[in-house]
């Protein structure tokens, strides 16, 4: 039986869906649990590296991950407010990705 994801979660089945969600919601104060399929499920996962790369493009960082059920996992992503002297280098990395 599938577990119920937390209220502050979004399930994305592709990298493009995660990117689109971030484009619309990246300025929110509250973090979000990104729910994706595990490699062991019969569905293609977004993948940890892809999830992090997309998040970095919008100034978000990963915090921790948890298993949700047999087929899905969750990655907590948070908006990171950088000091002015670091912001430009972070934005440059995001554009490069």
Protein backbone atom coordinates (compact mmCIF):
# COMPACT_ATOMS: atom_id res chain seq x y z
CA UNK A 1 0.00 0.00 0.00
CA UNK A 2 1.49 3.37 -0.99
CA UNK A 3 2.31 5.75 1.82
CA UNK A 4 0.87 9.25 1.91
CA UNK A 5 3.40 11.96 1.12
CA UNK A 6 3.64 15.03 3.39
CA UNK A 7 1.56 18.12 2.58
CA UNK A 8 4.65 20.06 1.53
CA UNK A 9 5.59 17.60 -1.21
CA UNK A 10 5.51 17.47 -4.98
CA UNK A 11 5.74 14.28 -7.00
CA UNK A 12 7.64 14.64 -10.25
CA UNK A 13 8.13 11.82 -12.72
CA UNK A 14 10.63 13.64 -14.93
CA UNK A 15 13.44 16.13 -14.59
CA UNK A 16 11.41 18.55 -16.73
CA UNK A 17 8.47 18.38 -14.28
CA UNK A 18 10.79 19.18 -11.37
CA UNK A 19 12.33 22.08 -13.32
CA UNK A 20 8.87 23.45 -14.16
CA UNK A 21 7.79 23.22 -10.51
CA UNK A 22 10.93 25.06 -9.40
CA UNK A 23 10.40 27.76 -12.03
CA UNK A 24 6.93 28.45 -10.60
CA UNK A 25 7.71 28.01 -6.88
CA UNK A 26 11.40 28.72 -6.27
CA UNK A 27 10.76 31.86 -4.22
CA UNK A 28 8.61 30.16 -1.57
CA UNK A 29 9.89 30.22 2.00
CA UNK A 30 8.92 26.67 2.89
CA UNK A 31 11.00 23.73 1.74
CA UNK A 32 9.48 20.92 -0.28
CA UNK A 33 9.81 17.17 -0.34
CA UNK A 34 10.49 16.04 -3.91
CA UNK A 35 8.87 12.62 -4.31
CA UNK A 36 10.35 10.45 -7.07
CA UNK A 37 10.41 6.79 -7.99
CA UNK A 38 13.25 4.60 -6.77
CA UNK A 39 15.60 2.84 -9.17
CA UNK A 40 14.10 -0.47 -8.04
CA UNK A 41 10.59 0.48 -9.15
CA UNK A 42 9.37 -0.26 -12.67
CA UNK A 43 9.23 3.46 -13.40
CA UNK A 44 12.13 5.67 -14.48
CA UNK A 45 13.52 7.73 -11.58
CA UNK A 46 14.36 11.42 -11.85
CA UNK A 47 17.69 10.61 -10.20
CA UNK A 48 19.54 12.25 -7.35
CA UNK A 49 22.09 14.12 -9.47
CA UNK A 50 19.43 15.48 -11.84
CA UNK A 51 17.27 16.58 -8.89
CA UNK A 52 20.16 18.44 -7.27
CA UNK A 53 21.33 20.07 -10.51
CA UNK A 54 17.86 21.47 -11.19
CA UNK A 55 17.49 22.68 -7.60
CA UNK A 56 20.86 24.45 -7.71
CA UNK A 57 19.77 26.35 -10.82
CA UNK A 58 17.12 28.04 -8.67
CA UNK A 59 19.24 28.52 -5.54
CA UNK A 60 17.85 25.49 -3.71
CA UNK A 61 19.89 22.87 -1.88
CA UNK A 62 19.13 19.32 -0.79
CA UNK A 63 18.81 18.63 2.91
CA UNK A 64 17.98 15.00 3.55
CA UNK A 65 16.31 12.03 1.93
CA UNK A 66 13.85 9.45 3.21
CA UNK A 67 12.13 6.40 1.85
CA UNK A 68 8.40 6.98 1.38
CA UNK A 69 7.34 3.45 0.42
CA UNK A 70 8.63 0.48 -1.60
CA UNK A 71 8.57 2.42 -4.88
CA UNK A 72 9.19 6.05 -3.92
CA UNK A 73 11.70 8.16 -2.04
CA UNK A 74 11.64 11.78 -0.90
CA UNK A 75 14.33 14.44 -1.02
CA UNK A 76 13.89 17.55 1.12
CA UNK A 77 14.92 20.64 -0.85
CA UNK A 78 15.22 24.10 0.67
CA UNK A 79 15.73 27.57 -0.74
CA UNK A 80 19.13 28.80 0.35
CA UNK A 81 19.61 32.49 0.91
CA UNK A 82 23.24 33.23 0.14
CA UNK A 83 25.22 36.24 1.34
CA UNK A 84 25.77 38.82 -1.39
CA UNK A 85 29.43 37.85 -1.81
CA UNK A 86 28.47 34.23 -2.62
CA UNK A 87 25.30 34.81 -4.61
CA UNK A 88 27.01 35.60 -7.94
CA UNK A 89 29.17 32.48 -7.88
CA UNK A 90 26.16 30.29 -7.04
CA UNK A 91 24.12 31.85 -9.85
CA UNK A 92 27.05 31.33 -12.25
CA UNK A 93 27.19 27.63 -11.34
CA UNK A 94 23.45 27.33 -11.84
CA UNK A 95 23.63 28.85 -15.32
CA UNK A 96 26.50 26.53 -16.23
CA UNK A 97 24.43 23.49 -15.26
